[in-house]
Amino acid sequence: MSRHSLGRRGERAAARALRRAGYRLLGRNLETPEGEVDLLAREGGVLVVIEVKTRATQGPPRVAHAQRQRLAAAARWLASRPRLRTALGAPSTFRVDYAFVTLDARRFVVTIRRDMMRQS
């Protein structure tokens, strides 16, 4: 399986896991002035930007500080767009979550880590 295919399949697995966890998906692969957002969702009254990291092997996921900052800037940009918030029914508060996806014996295992900006 190519890296691109693995990433695409990992995003689909993450989206399914997030829906089961109660997230309402609002968009995928959104371009912002701050960079791409893999998944955009709403959980309760919070707009959630989700970065998906997919790996074919086990191992601790690594998210660089600069990437966390970029995702927070993208979330702030999205949360500040009144028309977008209205169209998506999204609130003005936000957080950044991660979905870590690994391929384990031909199935995807998804681990969701909430509010990664607090863990930086």
C-alpha atoms as a PDB file:
ATOM      1  CA  MET A   1       0.000   0.000   0.000  1.00  0.00           C
ATOM      2  CA  SER A   2       1.401   3.412  -0.958  1.00  0.00           C
ATOM      3  CA  ARG A   3       1.917   6.116   1.641  1.00  0.00           C
ATOM      4  CA  HIS A   4      -0.792   8.259   0.013  1.00  0.00           C
ATOM      5  CA  SER A   5      -3.264   5.368   0.022  1.00  0.00           C
ATOM      6  CA  LEU A   6      -2.419   4.561   3.642  1.00  0.00           C
ATOM      7  CA  GLY A   7      -3.035   8.190   4.633  1.00  0.00           C
ATOM      8  CA  ARG A   8      -6.358   8.353   2.800  1.00  0.00           C
ATOM      9  CA  ARG A   9      -7.561   5.098   4.356  1.00  0.00           C
ATOM     10  CA  GLY A  10      -6.354   6.259   7.756  1.00  0.00           C
ATOM     11  CA  GLU A  11      -8.402   9.467   7.438  1.00  0.00           C
ATOM     12  CA  ARG A  12     -11.514   7.441   6.613  1.00  0.00           C
ATOM     13  CA  ALA A  13     -10.899   5.172   9.623  1.00  0.00           C
ATOM     14  CA  ALA A  14     -10.391   8.238  11.828  1.00  0.00           C
ATOM     15  CA  ALA A  15     -13.620   9.817  10.553  1.00  0.00           C
ATOM     16  CA  ARG A  16     -15.582   6.655  11.416  1.00  0.00           C
ATOM     17  CA  ALA A  17     -14.029   6.486  14.896  1.00  0.00           C
ATOM     18  CA  LEU A  18     -14.739  10.163  15.533  1.00  0.00           C
ATOM     19  CA  ARG A  19     -18.398   9.767  14.512  1.00  0.00           C
ATOM     20  CA  ARG A  20     -18.720   6.797  16.875  1.00  0.00           C
ATOM     21  CA  ALA A  21     -17.160   8.945  19.627  1.00  0.00           C
ATOM     22  CA  GLY A  22     -19.862  11.603  19.151  1.00  0.00           C
ATOM     23  CA  TYR A  23     -18.165  14.105  16.857  1.00  0.00           C
ATOM     24  CA  ARG A  24     -20.207  15.656  14.046  1.00  0.00           C
ATOM     25  CA  LEU A  25     -17.950  15.885  10.995  1.00  0.00           C
ATOM     26  CA  LEU A  26     -18.230  19.188   9.140  1.00  0.00           C
ATOM     27  CA  GLY A  27     -15.482  18.935   6.531  1.00  0.00           C
ATOM     28  CA  ARG A  28     -12.366  17.180   5.251  1.00  0.00           C
ATOM     29  CA  ASN A  29      -9.093  18.471   3.839  1.00  0.00           C
ATOM     30  CA  LEU A  30      -9.946  22.147   4.272  1.00  0.00           C
ATOM     31  CA  GLU A  31      -7.466  24.735   3.050  1.00  0.00           C
ATOM     32  CA  THR A  32      -6.944  27.787   5.270  1.00  0.00           C
ATOM     33  CA  PRO A  33      -4.355  30.582   5.059  1.00  0.00           C
ATOM     34  CA  GLU A  34      -2.581  28.744   7.897  1.00  0.00           C
ATOM     35  CA  GLY A  35      -2.476  25.364   6.132  1.00  0.00           C
ATOM     36  CA  GLU A  36      -4.623  22.315   5.573  1.00  0.00           C
ATOM     37  CA  VAL A  37      -6.986  20.916   8.184  1.00  0.00           C
ATOM     38  CA  ASP A  38      -7.482  17.152   7.825  1.00  0.00           C
ATOM     39  CA  LEU A  39     -10.882  16.991   9.506  1.00  0.00           C
ATOM     40  CA  LEU A  40     -13.187  19.643  10.926  1.00  0.00           C
ATOM     41  CA  ALA A  41     -15.839  18.601  13.406  1.00  0.00           C
ATOM     42  CA  ARG A  42     -18.096  19.782  16.148  1.00  0.00           C
ATOM     43  CA  GLU A  43     -18.304  18.121  19.531  1.00  0.00           C
ATOM     44  CA  GLY A  44     -20.955  19.627  21.720  1.00  0.00           C
ATOM     45  CA  GLY A  45     -20.433  23.374  21.628  1.00  0.00           C
ATOM     46  CA  VAL A  46     -16.846  23.265  20.384  1.00  0.00           C
ATOM     47  CA  LEU A  47     -15.362  23.532  16.889  1.00  0.00           C
ATOM     48  CA  VAL A  48     -12.664  20.844  16.613  1.00  0.00           C
ATOM     49  CA  VAL A  49      -9.753  20.827  14.175  1.00  0.00           C
ATOM     50  CA  ILE A  50      -8.431  17.278  13.872  1.00  0.00           C
ATOM     51  CA  GLU A  51      -5.017  16.289  12.581  1.00  0.00           C
ATOM     52  CA  VAL A  52      -4.816  12.669  11.446  1.00  0.00           C
ATOM     53  CA  LYS A  53      -1.488  10.840  11.686  1.00  0.00           C
ATOM     54  CA  THR A  54      -1.426   7.404  10.055  1.00  0.00           C
ATOM     55  CA  ARG A  55       1.395   4.889  10.399  1.00  0.00           C
ATOM     56  CA  ALA A  56       1.844   1.365   9.103  1.00  0.00           C
ATOM     57  CA  THR A  57       3.838   0.422  12.198  1.00  0.00           C
ATOM     58  CA  GLN A  58       3.371   0.756  15.921  1.00  0.00           C
ATOM     59  CA  GLY A  59       5.270   3.455  17.730  1.00  0.00           C
ATOM     60  CA  PRO A  60       4.681   6.648  19.638  1.00  0.00           C
ATOM     61  CA  PRO A  61       3.126   9.377  17.509  1.00  0.00           C
ATOM     62  CA  ARG A  62       5.122  12.556  17.202  1.00  0.00           C
ATOM     63  CA  VAL A  63       3.634  15.975  16.582  1.00  0.00           C
ATOM     64  CA  ALA A  64       6.065  18.877  16.373  1.00  0.00           C
ATOM     65  CA  HIS A  65       5.401  22.045  18.347  1.00  0.00           C
ATOM     66  CA  ALA A  66       5.366  24.094  15.123  1.00  0.00           C
ATOM     67  CA  GLN A  67       2.654  21.847  13.712  1.00  0.00           C
ATOM     68  CA  ARG A  68       0.532  22.240  16.841  1.00  0.00           C
ATOM     69  CA  GLN A  69       0.904  26.014  16.522  1.00  0.00           C
ATOM     70  CA  ARG A  70      -0.064  25.920  12.825  1.00  0.00           C
ATOM     71  CA  LEU A  71      -3.177  23.878  13.605  1.00  0.00           C
ATOM     72  CA  ALA A  72      -4.172  26.250  16.399  1.00  0.00           C
ATOM     73  CA  ALA A  73      -3.789  29.185  13.979  1.00  0.00           C
ATOM     74  CA  ALA A  74      -5.972  27.359  11.418  1.00  0.00           C
ATOM     75  CA  ALA A  75      -8.579  26.696  14.127  1.00  0.00           C
ATOM     76  CA  ARG A  76      -8.562  30.375  15.160  1.00  0.00           C
ATOM     77  CA  TRP A  77      -8.970  31.402  11.520  1.00  0.00           C
ATOM     78  CA  LEU A  78     -11.927  29.031  11.046  1.00  0.00           C
ATOM     79  CA  ALA A  79     -13.532  30.103  14.336  1.00  0.00           C
ATOM     80  CA  SER A  80     -13.253  33.762  13.325  1.00  0.00           C
ATOM     81  CA  ARG A  81     -15.208  33.368  10.062  1.00  0.00           C
ATOM     82  CA  PRO A  82     -18.795  34.391  10.931  1.00  0.00           C
ATOM     83  CA  ARG A  83     -20.280  33.108   7.667  1.00  0.00           C
ATOM     84  CA  LEU A  84     -18.498  29.797   7.987  1.00  0.00           C
ATOM     85  CA  ARG A  85     -19.624  29.393  11.599  1.00  0.00           C
ATOM     86  CA  THR A  86     -23.212  30.146  10.605  1.00  0.00           C
ATOM     87  CA  ALA A  87     -23.166  27.854   7.575  1.00  0.00           C
ATOM     88  CA  LEU A  88     -21.667  24.981   9.547  1.00  0.00           C
ATOM     89  CA  GLY A  89     -23.622  25.648  12.722  1.00  0.00           C
ATOM     90  CA  ALA A  90     -20.280  25.825  14.460  1.00  0.00           C
ATOM     91  CA  PRO A  91     -19.450  27.711  17.652  1.00  0.00           C
ATOM     92  CA  SER A  92     -16.678  30.269  18.101  1.00  0.00           C
ATOM     93  CA  THR A  93     -14.717  28.246  20.683  1.00  0.00           C
ATOM     94  CA  PHE A  94     -12.273  25.677  19.337  1.00  0.00           C
ATOM     95  CA  ARG A  95      -9.702  23.045  20.190  1.00  0.00           C
ATOM     96  CA  VAL A  96      -7.202  20.876  18.349  1.00  0.00           C
ATOM     97  CA  ASP A  97      -7.524  17.089  18.573  1.00  0.00           C
ATOM     98  CA  TYR A  98      -5.413  14.358  17.018  1.00  0.00           C
ATOM     99  CA  ALA A  99      -6.427  11.013  15.613  1.00  0.00           C
ATOM    100  CA  PHE A 100      -3.476   8.633  15.622  1.00  0.00           C
ATOM    101  CA  VAL A 101      -4.107   5.717  13.282  1.00  0.00           C
ATOM    102  CA  THR A 102      -2.000   2.572  13.057  1.00  0.00           C
ATOM    103  CA  LEU A 103      -2.378  -0.459  10.852  1.00  0.00           C
ATOM    104  CA  ASP A 104      -2.498  -3.534  13.071  1.00  0.00           C
ATOM    105  CA  ALA A 105      -3.000  -6.973  11.490  1.00  0.00           C
ATOM    106  CA  ARG A 106      -4.901  -5.546   8.507  1.00  0.00           C
ATOM    107  CA  ARG A 107      -7.192  -3.300  10.509  1.00  0.00           C
ATOM    108  CA  PHE A 108      -6.870   0.304  11.541  1.00  0.00           C
ATOM    109  CA  VAL A 109      -6.639   1.185  15.210  1.00  0.00           C
ATOM    110  CA  VAL A 110      -7.577   4.790  16.008  1.00  0.00           C
ATOM    111  CA  THR A 111      -6.552   6.625  19.162  1.00  0.00           C
ATOM    112  CA  ILE A 112      -8.146  10.028  19.708  1.00  0.00           C
ATOM    113  CA  ARG A 113      -6.272  12.580  21.806  1.00  0.00           C
ATOM    114  CA  ARG A 114      -8.346  15.576  22.760  1.00  0.00           C
ATOM    115  CA  ASP A 115      -7.181  19.144  23.282  1.00  0.00           C
ATOM    116  CA  MET A 116      -3.572  18.724  22.216  1.00  0.00           C
ATOM    117  CA  MET A 117      -2.802  22.409  22.686  1.00  0.00           C
ATOM    118  CA  ARG A 118      -3.036  21.935  26.436  1.00  0.00           C
ATOM    119  CA  GLN A 119      -0.527  19.081  26.202  1.00  0.00           C
ATOM    120  CA  SER A 120       2.193  21.034  24.386  1.00  0.00           C
END
